[in-house]
Every structure is written in C-alpha cells, then in structure tokens.
C-alpha cells in the first residue's frame, strides 16, 4: 500500500461515504493507506479503528484471522510484539496461557539455547547485548534480520524495531525521537493538526510540538526554514 497525502486521491471520497463510513473515519483509513475494500473487510471483522487495523497488519494478521488472535486474548499491540519475536498464533496462544508475554517468552527461549554452539543469529544477539541493547528490544531486530550499524543505533536507544521503522518512514533520526512517546500517538497528533505528512519530520526536528508548528506556519514560517533550524540543531549549533 502506498502513502496517501492531501494531494493524492486514490479513491473518490464519495465512495467511502456511500459505503456508510463517516468522512473523518474515511480520511483516517486512507491516511493509513487502506483502500475502501480493505477498510470494509476490517470493519466486518470487528476492527472499526484504522490505527488498530494498521497494528494488526504490521503483525501480518488479516481480517480473516484477527478473530483467532482476539479469542486467544491477544490485542493488536501484543500481536505486533509476538510477531517481532518470531511467534506465530499457536505459539503465542500457548505462551499466553502460561502467563508469559512476548519478552519473557523470548528470554526463556534464549536461556534454553544458551549452551548451544553459537549460530550467526546468536552471534548478532551477543553483539547487540554487549553494545548495551536490552534483550526485550533486540529480539525484533534479530527476527527481521536487521542488524547493521543503523539498526544498532536505534536499538541502543531502547527503540523497538517496529517503532524504528515507523520513525524512519517519517524521516526522523534516532536522537530526534527519544522524547516523543509512542509513534502512532505522535503521528495521530500531527495528523490532526493538518500539517502535511512530508513536513512533520522537519518540524519535529526543529524542536516544535504540533501546536507550535501550526502557530509558526500561520505566522509565515515555512518548512524550508524549519528544515534549516533542524539541520542547525543536528549539527550542534543550537541548544535544546
């Protein structure tokens, strides 16, 4: 699915309205790159919120299989973590029954294999650990086979693999995200202000909140000026 922005109209909004979806909900589904057919499938499956559907999708869960996960007592955000740690539904369901979450289940699995001869993935595991990356963070990077220097930079800050991918899509660097909170919450806050998706990284990098960015834009400050301020901050020319 490709990114939707205000200048792109992959589907007529009237089609969404005709399908019984409110305008604000339709815009939200489209913001998360869902087509009308996909949104209707998720809603039919009991997932009415686009953000939640996006989380399920990130965990490779579909409208056809989401019911199996919810019946197992697993939420969308938990499913993302189970997926990162390499657990399918059957294994996640069993661990959940035993009272174990994704992190504890992964740590137990690593402890059981500690006496085995190191495999390449175990060597990368040790490298991340020795670099100060918590075990519950590095699992997602290993599972996705993203273990280069860029990945390590994100992981050392305690940023989960799935969150790092979202921040990168926004165009942010690891240091710029350290005080932002949950990425989906941040994206929603900026989206509600009406600031174009492609401008968000520069305004965040310039050190502004969504409200402050709106005020600056209304006063005539441009994205280019925000980008220049961001570059100056990254170069250490300005104090936070």
C-alpha atoms as a PDB file:
ATOM      1  CA  UNK A   1       0.000   0.000   0.000  1.00  0.00           C
ATOM      2  CA  UNK A   2       1.338   3.428  -0.883  1.00  0.00           C
ATOM      3  CA  UNK A   3       1.245   6.526   1.253  1.00  0.00           C
ATOM      4  CA  UNK A   4      -1.746   8.823   0.925  1.00  0.00           C
ATOM      5  CA  UNK A   5      -1.409  12.563   1.244  1.00  0.00           C
ATOM      6  CA  UNK A   6      -3.618  15.547   0.744  1.00  0.00           C
ATOM      7  CA  UNK A   7      -2.689  15.932  -2.932  1.00  0.00           C
ATOM      8  CA  UNK A   8      -3.382  12.286  -3.739  1.00  0.00           C
ATOM      9  CA  UNK A   9      -6.874  10.913  -4.304  1.00  0.00           C
ATOM     10  CA  UNK A  10      -6.618   7.156  -4.948  1.00  0.00           C
ATOM     11  CA  UNK A  11     -10.320   6.669  -4.415  1.00  0.00           C
ATOM     12  CA  UNK A  12     -13.197   9.114  -4.539  1.00  0.00           C
ATOM     13  CA  UNK A  13     -14.251  10.069  -1.025  1.00  0.00           C
ATOM     14  CA  UNK A  14     -17.858   9.780  -2.122  1.00  0.00           C
ATOM     15  CA  UNK A  15     -17.394   6.022  -2.468  1.00  0.00           C
ATOM     16  CA  UNK A  16     -16.436   5.824   1.184  1.00  0.00           C
ATOM     17  CA  UNK A  17     -19.391   7.933   2.238  1.00  0.00           C
ATOM     18  CA  UNK A  18     -21.712   5.818   0.123  1.00  0.00           C
ATOM     19  CA  UNK A  19     -20.398   2.754   1.943  1.00  0.00           C
ATOM     20  CA  UNK A  20     -21.613   4.222   5.223  1.00  0.00           C
ATOM     21  CA  UNK A  21     -18.246   5.415   6.521  1.00  0.00           C
ATOM     22  CA  UNK A  22     -18.094   8.862   8.094  1.00  0.00           C
ATOM     23  CA  UNK A  23     -15.831  11.416   6.443  1.00  0.00           C
ATOM     24  CA  UNK A  24     -13.435  11.645   9.408  1.00  0.00           C
ATOM     25  CA  UNK A  25     -13.178   7.857   9.586  1.00  0.00           C
ATOM     26  CA  UNK A  26     -12.652   7.593   5.844  1.00  0.00           C
ATOM     27  CA  UNK A  27      -9.795  10.089   5.985  1.00  0.00           C
ATOM     28  CA  UNK A  28      -8.246   8.128   8.831  1.00  0.00           C
ATOM     29  CA  UNK A  29      -8.388   4.825   6.941  1.00  0.00           C
ATOM     30  CA  UNK A  30      -6.891   6.459   3.878  1.00  0.00           C
ATOM     31  CA  UNK A  31      -4.188   8.125   5.982  1.00  0.00           C
ATOM     32  CA  UNK A  32      -3.076   4.611   6.937  1.00  0.00           C
ATOM     33  CA  UNK A  33      -3.090   3.581   3.278  1.00  0.00           C
ATOM     34  CA  UNK A  34      -6.133   1.334   3.405  1.00  0.00           C
ATOM     35  CA  UNK A  35      -8.312   1.026   0.336  1.00  0.00           C
ATOM     36  CA  UNK A  36     -12.074   1.027   0.766  1.00  0.00           C
ATOM     37  CA  UNK A  37     -12.329  -2.714   0.213  1.00  0.00           C
ATOM     38  CA  UNK A  38      -9.747  -3.360   2.917  1.00  0.00           C
ATOM     39  CA  UNK A  39     -11.404  -0.988   5.370  1.00  0.00           C
ATOM     40  CA  UNK A  40     -14.745  -2.705   4.871  1.00  0.00           C
ATOM     41  CA  UNK A  41     -13.152  -6.110   5.483  1.00  0.00           C
ATOM     42  CA  UNK A  42     -11.584  -4.921   8.734  1.00  0.00           C
ATOM     43  CA  UNK A  43     -14.813  -3.314   9.903  1.00  0.00           C
ATOM     44  CA  UNK A  44     -16.723  -6.502   9.086  1.00  0.00           C
ATOM     45  CA  UNK A  45     -14.173  -8.396  11.194  1.00  0.00           C
ATOM     46  CA  UNK A  46     -14.930  -6.115  14.145  1.00  0.00           C
ATOM     47  CA  UNK A  47     -11.998  -3.715  13.799  1.00  0.00           C
ATOM     48  CA  UNK A  48     -13.528  -0.263  13.442  1.00  0.00           C
ATOM     49  CA  UNK A  49     -10.388   1.805  14.033  1.00  0.00           C
ATOM     50  CA  UNK A  50      -7.778   2.348  11.318  1.00  0.00           C
ATOM     51  CA  UNK A  51      -4.882   2.599  13.784  1.00  0.00           C
ATOM     52  CA  UNK A  52      -5.763  -0.774  15.275  1.00  0.00           C
ATOM     53  CA  UNK A  53      -6.105  -2.307  11.819  1.00  0.00           C
ATOM     54  CA  UNK A  54      -2.663  -0.937  10.940  1.00  0.00           C
ATOM     55  CA  UNK A  55      -1.210  -2.651  14.007  1.00  0.00           C
ATOM     56  CA  UNK A  56      -2.836  -5.955  13.111  1.00  0.00           C
ATOM     57  CA  UNK A  57      -1.491  -5.617   9.577  1.00  0.00           C
ATOM     58  CA  UNK A  58       2.019  -4.961  10.906  1.00  0.00           C
ATOM     59  CA  UNK A  59       1.752  -8.299  12.713  1.00  0.00           C
ATOM     60  CA  UNK A  60       0.719  -9.971   9.407  1.00  0.00           C
ATOM     61  CA  UNK A  61      -2.769 -10.564  10.808  1.00  0.00           C
ATOM     62  CA  UNK A  62      -5.642 -10.294   8.320  1.00  0.00           C
ATOM     63  CA  UNK A  63      -9.365  -9.614   8.703  1.00  0.00           C
ATOM     64  CA  UNK A  64      -9.858 -13.340   8.174  1.00  0.00           C
ATOM     65  CA  UNK A  65      -7.523 -14.342  11.033  1.00  0.00           C
ATOM     66  CA  UNK A  66      -7.934 -11.485  13.526  1.00  0.00           C
ATOM     67  CA  UNK A  67     -10.736 -13.306  15.333  1.00  0.00           C
ATOM     68  CA  UNK A  68      -8.394 -16.165  16.221  1.00  0.00           C
ATOM     69  CA  UNK A  69      -5.997 -13.725  17.880  1.00  0.00           C
ATOM     70  CA  UNK A  70      -8.645 -11.885  19.857  1.00  0.00           C
ATOM     71  CA  UNK A  71     -10.158 -15.186  21.004  1.00  0.00           C
ATOM     72  CA  UNK A  72      -6.707 -16.042  22.375  1.00  0.00           C
ATOM     73  CA  UNK A  73      -6.816 -12.854  24.439  1.00  0.00           C
ATOM     74  CA  UNK A  74      -4.161 -11.116  22.347  1.00  0.00           C
ATOM     75  CA  UNK A  75      -4.514  -7.433  21.416  1.00  0.00           C
ATOM     76  CA  UNK A  76      -3.220  -5.746  18.272  1.00  0.00           C
ATOM     77  CA  UNK A  77      -0.226  -4.170  20.020  1.00  0.00           C
ATOM     78  CA  UNK A  78       0.640  -7.501  21.645  1.00  0.00           C
ATOM     79  CA  UNK A  79       0.390  -9.241  18.284  1.00  0.00           C
ATOM     80  CA  UNK A  80       2.988  -6.843  16.881  1.00  0.00           C
ATOM     81  CA  UNK A  81       5.387  -7.828  19.659  1.00  0.00           C
ATOM     82  CA  UNK A  82       4.728 -11.556  19.226  1.00  0.00           C
ATOM     83  CA  UNK A  83       5.411 -11.194  15.511  1.00  0.00           C
ATOM     84  CA  UNK A  84       8.677  -9.357  16.178  1.00  0.00           C
ATOM     85  CA  UNK A  85       9.816 -12.134  18.487  1.00  0.00           C
ATOM     86  CA  UNK A  86       9.063 -14.762  15.847  1.00  0.00           C
ATOM     87  CA  UNK A  87       5.954 -16.321  17.386  1.00  0.00           C
ATOM     88  CA  UNK A  88       3.002 -17.443  15.304  1.00  0.00           C
ATOM     89  CA  UNK A  89      -0.520 -17.618  16.709  1.00  0.00           C
ATOM     90  CA  UNK A  90      -0.204 -21.158  18.048  1.00  0.00           C
ATOM     91  CA  UNK A  91       2.993 -20.396  19.959  1.00  0.00           C
ATOM     92  CA  UNK A  92       1.749 -17.008  21.154  1.00  0.00           C
ATOM     93  CA  UNK A  93      -1.507 -18.560  22.368  1.00  0.00           C
ATOM     94  CA  UNK A  94       0.351 -21.255  24.307  1.00  0.00           C
ATOM     95  CA  UNK A  95       2.717 -18.760  25.928  1.00  0.00           C
ATOM     96  CA  UNK A  96      -0.218 -16.515  26.835  1.00  0.00           C
ATOM     97  CA  UNK A  97      -1.975 -19.451  28.512  1.00  0.00           C
ATOM     98  CA  UNK A  98       1.182 -19.964  30.573  1.00  0.00           C
ATOM     99  CA  UNK A  99       1.087 -16.338  31.670  1.00  0.00           C
ATOM    100  CA  UNK A 100       4.111 -15.276  29.629  1.00  0.00           C
ATOM    101  CA  UNK A 101       4.326 -12.204  27.434  1.00  0.00           C
ATOM    102  CA  UNK A 102       6.485 -11.785  24.303  1.00  0.00           C
ATOM    103  CA  UNK A 103       9.562 -10.550  26.173  1.00  0.00           C
ATOM    104  CA  UNK A 104       9.594 -13.228  28.863  1.00  0.00           C
ATOM    105  CA  UNK A 105       8.865 -15.975  26.334  1.00  0.00           C
ATOM    106  CA  UNK A 106      11.765 -14.842  24.166  1.00  0.00           C
ATOM    107  CA  UNK A 107      14.152 -14.604  27.098  1.00  0.00           C
ATOM    108  CA  UNK A 108      13.232 -18.115  28.193  1.00  0.00           C
ATOM    109  CA  UNK A 109      13.876 -19.391  24.689  1.00  0.00           C
ATOM    110  CA  UNK A 110      17.281 -17.714  24.657  1.00  0.00           C
ATOM    111  CA  UNK A 111      18.191 -19.204  28.020  1.00  0.00           C
ATOM    112  CA  UNK A 112      17.333 -22.684  26.789  1.00  0.00           C
ATOM    113  CA  UNK A 113      19.679 -22.278  23.828  1.00  0.00           C
ATOM    114  CA  UNK A 114      22.493 -20.637  25.817  1.00  0.00           C
ATOM    115  CA  UNK A 115      24.509 -23.865  25.980  1.00  0.00           C
ATOM    116  CA  UNK A 116      24.260 -24.499  22.259  1.00  0.00           C
ATOM    117  CA  UNK A 117      27.018 -23.595  19.799  1.00  0.00           C
ATOM    118  CA  UNK A 118      26.603 -20.029  18.583  1.00  0.00           C
ATOM    119  CA  UNK A 119      24.810 -19.642  15.292  1.00  0.00           C
ATOM    120  CA  UNK A 120      25.104 -16.423  13.236  1.00  0.00           C
ATOM    121  CA  UNK A 121      21.919 -15.063  14.797  1.00  0.00           C
ATOM    122  CA  UNK A 122      23.226 -15.868  18.286  1.00  0.00           C
ATOM    123  CA  UNK A 123      26.449 -14.039  17.472  1.00  0.00           C
ATOM    124  CA  UNK A 124      24.448 -10.974  16.457  1.00  0.00           C
ATOM    125  CA  UNK A 125      22.417 -11.398  19.633  1.00  0.00           C
ATOM    126  CA  UNK A 126      25.604 -11.262  21.702  1.00  0.00           C
ATOM    127  CA  UNK A 127      26.900  -8.265  19.745  1.00  0.00           C
ATOM    128  CA  UNK A 128      23.739  -6.282  20.463  1.00  0.00           C
ATOM    129  CA  UNK A 129      23.772  -7.303  24.128  1.00  0.00           C
ATOM    130  CA  UNK A 130      27.405  -6.290  24.510  1.00  0.00           C
ATOM    131  CA  UNK A 131      26.513  -2.926  22.974  1.00  0.00           C
ATOM    132  CA  UNK A 132      24.004  -2.342  25.763  1.00  0.00           C
ATOM    133  CA  UNK A 133      20.800  -3.281  23.944  1.00  0.00           C
ATOM    134  CA  UNK A 134      18.174  -4.822  26.270  1.00  0.00           C
ATOM    135  CA  UNK A 135      17.146  -8.368  25.359  1.00  0.00           C
ATOM    136  CA  UNK A 136      13.483  -7.402  25.023  1.00  0.00           C
ATOM    137  CA  UNK A 137      14.428  -4.751  22.439  1.00  0.00           C
ATOM    138  CA  UNK A 138      16.886  -6.650  20.271  1.00  0.00           C
ATOM    139  CA  UNK A 139      14.546  -9.569  19.540  1.00  0.00           C
ATOM    140  CA  UNK A 140      12.643  -7.648  16.888  1.00  0.00           C
ATOM    141  CA  UNK A 141      15.838  -6.641  15.109  1.00  0.00           C
ATOM    142  CA  UNK A 142      17.096 -10.219  15.025  1.00  0.00           C
ATOM    143  CA  UNK A 143      13.757 -11.578  13.860  1.00  0.00           C
ATOM    144  CA  UNK A 144      13.665  -9.123  10.955  1.00  0.00           C
ATOM    145  CA  UNK A 145      17.355  -9.729  10.205  1.00  0.00           C
ATOM    146  CA  UNK A 146      18.037  -6.008  10.598  1.00  0.00           C
ATOM    147  CA  UNK A 147      21.321  -5.983  12.464  1.00  0.00           C
ATOM    148  CA  UNK A 148      23.522  -3.444  10.691  1.00  0.00           C
ATOM    149  CA  UNK A 149      25.035  -0.335  12.277  1.00  0.00           C
ATOM    150  CA  UNK A 150      21.906   1.707  11.580  1.00  0.00           C
ATOM    151  CA  UNK A 151      19.768  -0.836  13.418  1.00  0.00           C
ATOM    152  CA  UNK A 152      22.175  -0.841  16.345  1.00  0.00           C
ATOM    153  CA  UNK A 153      21.895   2.950  16.620  1.00  0.00           C
ATOM    154  CA  UNK A 154      18.149   2.670  17.070  1.00  0.00           C
ATOM    155  CA  UNK A 155      18.308  -0.350  19.361  1.00  0.00           C
ATOM    156  CA  UNK A 156      20.865   1.216  21.708  1.00  0.00           C
ATOM    157  CA  UNK A 157      18.321   3.935  22.491  1.00  0.00           C
ATOM    158  CA  UNK A 158      15.825   1.272  23.539  1.00  0.00           C
ATOM    159  CA  UNK A 159      13.642   1.811  20.463  1.00  0.00           C
ATOM    160  CA  UNK A 160      11.727  -1.261  19.328  1.00  0.00           C
ATOM    161  CA  UNK A 161      12.238  -2.485  15.770  1.00  0.00           C
ATOM    162  CA  UNK A 162       8.651  -1.758  14.700  1.00  0.00           C
ATOM    163  CA  UNK A 163       8.806   1.745  16.181  1.00  0.00           C
ATOM    164  CA  UNK A 164      12.142   2.438  14.481  1.00  0.00           C
ATOM    165  CA  UNK A 165      10.657   1.542  11.105  1.00  0.00           C
ATOM    166  CA  UNK A 166       7.787   3.976  11.660  1.00  0.00           C
ATOM    167  CA  UNK A 167      10.128   6.779  12.744  1.00  0.00           C
ATOM    168  CA  UNK A 168      12.319   6.145   9.690  1.00  0.00           C
ATOM    169  CA  UNK A 169       9.290   6.350   7.427  1.00  0.00           C
ATOM    170  CA  UNK A 170       8.558   9.734   8.941  1.00  0.00           C
ATOM    171  CA  UNK A 171      12.131  10.744   8.153  1.00  0.00           C
ATOM    172  CA  UNK A 172      13.359  11.108  11.740  1.00  0.00           C
ATOM    173  CA  UNK A 173      16.714  10.154  13.220  1.00  0.00           C
ATOM    174  CA  UNK A 174      17.103   8.173  16.471  1.00  0.00           C
ATOM    175  CA  UNK A 175      18.046  11.190  18.656  1.00  0.00           C
ATOM    176  CA  UNK A 176      15.038  13.152  17.372  1.00  0.00           C
ATOM    177  CA  UNK A 177      12.615  10.505  18.636  1.00  0.00           C
ATOM    178  CA  UNK A 178      13.901   9.954  22.168  1.00  0.00           C
ATOM    179  CA  UNK A 179      11.255  12.094  23.912  1.00  0.00           C
ATOM    180  CA  UNK A 180       8.335  11.658  21.524  1.00  0.00           C
ATOM    181  CA  UNK A 181       6.434   8.729  23.034  1.00  0.00           C
ATOM    182  CA  UNK A 182       4.548   6.091  21.050  1.00  0.00           C
ATOM    183  CA  UNK A 183       4.927   6.672  17.281  1.00  0.00           C
ATOM    184  CA  UNK A 184       1.281   6.016  16.430  1.00  0.00           C
ATOM    185  CA  UNK A 185       0.176   8.535  19.042  1.00  0.00           C
ATOM    186  CA  UNK A 186       2.643  11.084  17.682  1.00  0.00           C
ATOM    187  CA  UNK A 187       1.533  10.554  14.093  1.00  0.00           C
ATOM    188  CA  UNK A 188      -2.103  10.960  15.084  1.00  0.00           C
ATOM    189  CA  UNK A 189      -1.354  14.203  16.965  1.00  0.00           C
ATOM    190  CA  UNK A 190       0.395  15.709  13.955  1.00  0.00           C
ATOM    191  CA  UNK A 191      -2.195  14.419  11.520  1.00  0.00           C
ATOM    192  CA  UNK A 192      -4.979  16.110  13.480  1.00  0.00           C
ATOM    193  CA  UNK A 193      -3.240  19.478  13.098  1.00  0.00           C
ATOM    194  CA  UNK A 194      -3.475  19.220   9.316  1.00  0.00           C
ATOM    195  CA  UNK A 195       0.269  19.567   8.730  1.00  0.00           C
ATOM    196  CA  UNK A 196       1.316  17.619   5.599  1.00  0.00           C
ATOM    197  CA  UNK A 197       2.919  14.254   6.311  1.00  0.00           C
ATOM    198  CA  UNK A 198       6.123  15.141   4.456  1.00  0.00           C
ATOM    199  CA  UNK A 199       6.673  18.244   6.619  1.00  0.00           C
ATOM    200  CA  UNK A 200       6.334  16.558  10.003  1.00  0.00           C
ATOM    201  CA  UNK A 201       9.958  15.422  10.335  1.00  0.00           C
ATOM    202  CA  UNK A 202      11.336  18.920   9.773  1.00  0.00           C
ATOM    203  CA  UNK A 203       9.005  20.497  12.329  1.00  0.00           C
ATOM    204  CA  UNK A 204       9.788  17.798  14.893  1.00  0.00           C
ATOM    205  CA  UNK A 205      13.493  18.066  14.119  1.00  0.00           C
ATOM    206  CA  UNK A 206      13.269  21.804  14.678  1.00  0.00           C
ATOM    207  CA  UNK A 207      12.091  21.069  18.214  1.00  0.00           C
ATOM    208  CA  UNK A 208       8.457  22.085  17.831  1.00  0.00           C
ATOM    209  CA  UNK A 209       5.277  20.494  19.114  1.00  0.00           C
ATOM    210  CA  UNK A 210       2.288  20.109  16.760  1.00  0.00           C
ATOM    211  CA  UNK A 211       0.630  23.198  18.247  1.00  0.00           C
ATOM    212  CA  UNK A 212       3.809  25.256  17.979  1.00  0.00           C
ATOM    213  CA  UNK A 213       4.320  24.158  14.382  1.00  0.00           C
ATOM    214  CA  UNK A 214       0.803  25.261  13.457  1.00  0.00           C
ATOM    215  CA  UNK A 215       1.402  28.656  15.053  1.00  0.00           C
ATOM    216  CA  UNK A 216       4.700  29.071  13.199  1.00  0.00           C
ATOM    217  CA  UNK A 217       3.146  28.155   9.862  1.00  0.00           C
ATOM    218  CA  UNK A 218       0.325  30.634  10.453  1.00  0.00           C
ATOM    219  CA  UNK A 219       2.892  33.336  11.188  1.00  0.00           C
ATOM    220  CA  UNK A 220       4.605  32.699   7.861  1.00  0.00           C
ATOM    221  CA  UNK A 221       7.415  30.346   8.840  1.00  0.00           C
ATOM    222  CA  UNK A 222       7.968  27.794   6.064  1.00  0.00           C
ATOM    223  CA  UNK A 223       9.004  24.163   6.034  1.00  0.00           C
ATOM    224  CA  UNK A 224      12.313  25.208   4.491  1.00  0.00           C
ATOM    225  CA  UNK A 225      13.039  27.425   7.472  1.00  0.00           C
ATOM    226  CA  UNK A 226      12.100  24.613   9.836  1.00  0.00           C
ATOM    227  CA  UNK A 227      14.443  22.293   7.927  1.00  0.00           C
ATOM    228  CA  UNK A 228      17.275  24.800   8.278  1.00  0.00           C
ATOM    229  CA  UNK A 229      16.674  25.034  12.021  1.00  0.00           C
ATOM    230  CA  UNK A 230      16.588  21.254  12.207  1.00  0.00           C
ATOM    231  CA  UNK A 231      19.933  20.985  10.425  1.00  0.00           C
ATOM    232  CA  UNK A 232      21.444  23.522  12.804  1.00  0.00           C
ATOM    233  CA  UNK A 233      20.208  21.555  15.813  1.00  0.00           C
ATOM    234  CA  UNK A 234      21.595  18.313  14.431  1.00  0.00           C
ATOM    235  CA  UNK A 235      24.954  19.969  13.875  1.00  0.00           C
ATOM    236  CA  UNK A 236      25.003  21.097  17.490  1.00  0.00           C
ATOM    237  CA  UNK A 237      24.628  24.753  16.658  1.00  0.00           C
ATOM    238  CA  UNK A 238      21.615  25.201  18.912  1.00  0.00           C
ATOM    239  CA  UNK A 239      20.910  24.042  22.409  1.00  0.00           C
ATOM    240  CA  UNK A 240      17.693  22.119  23.123  1.00  0.00           C
END
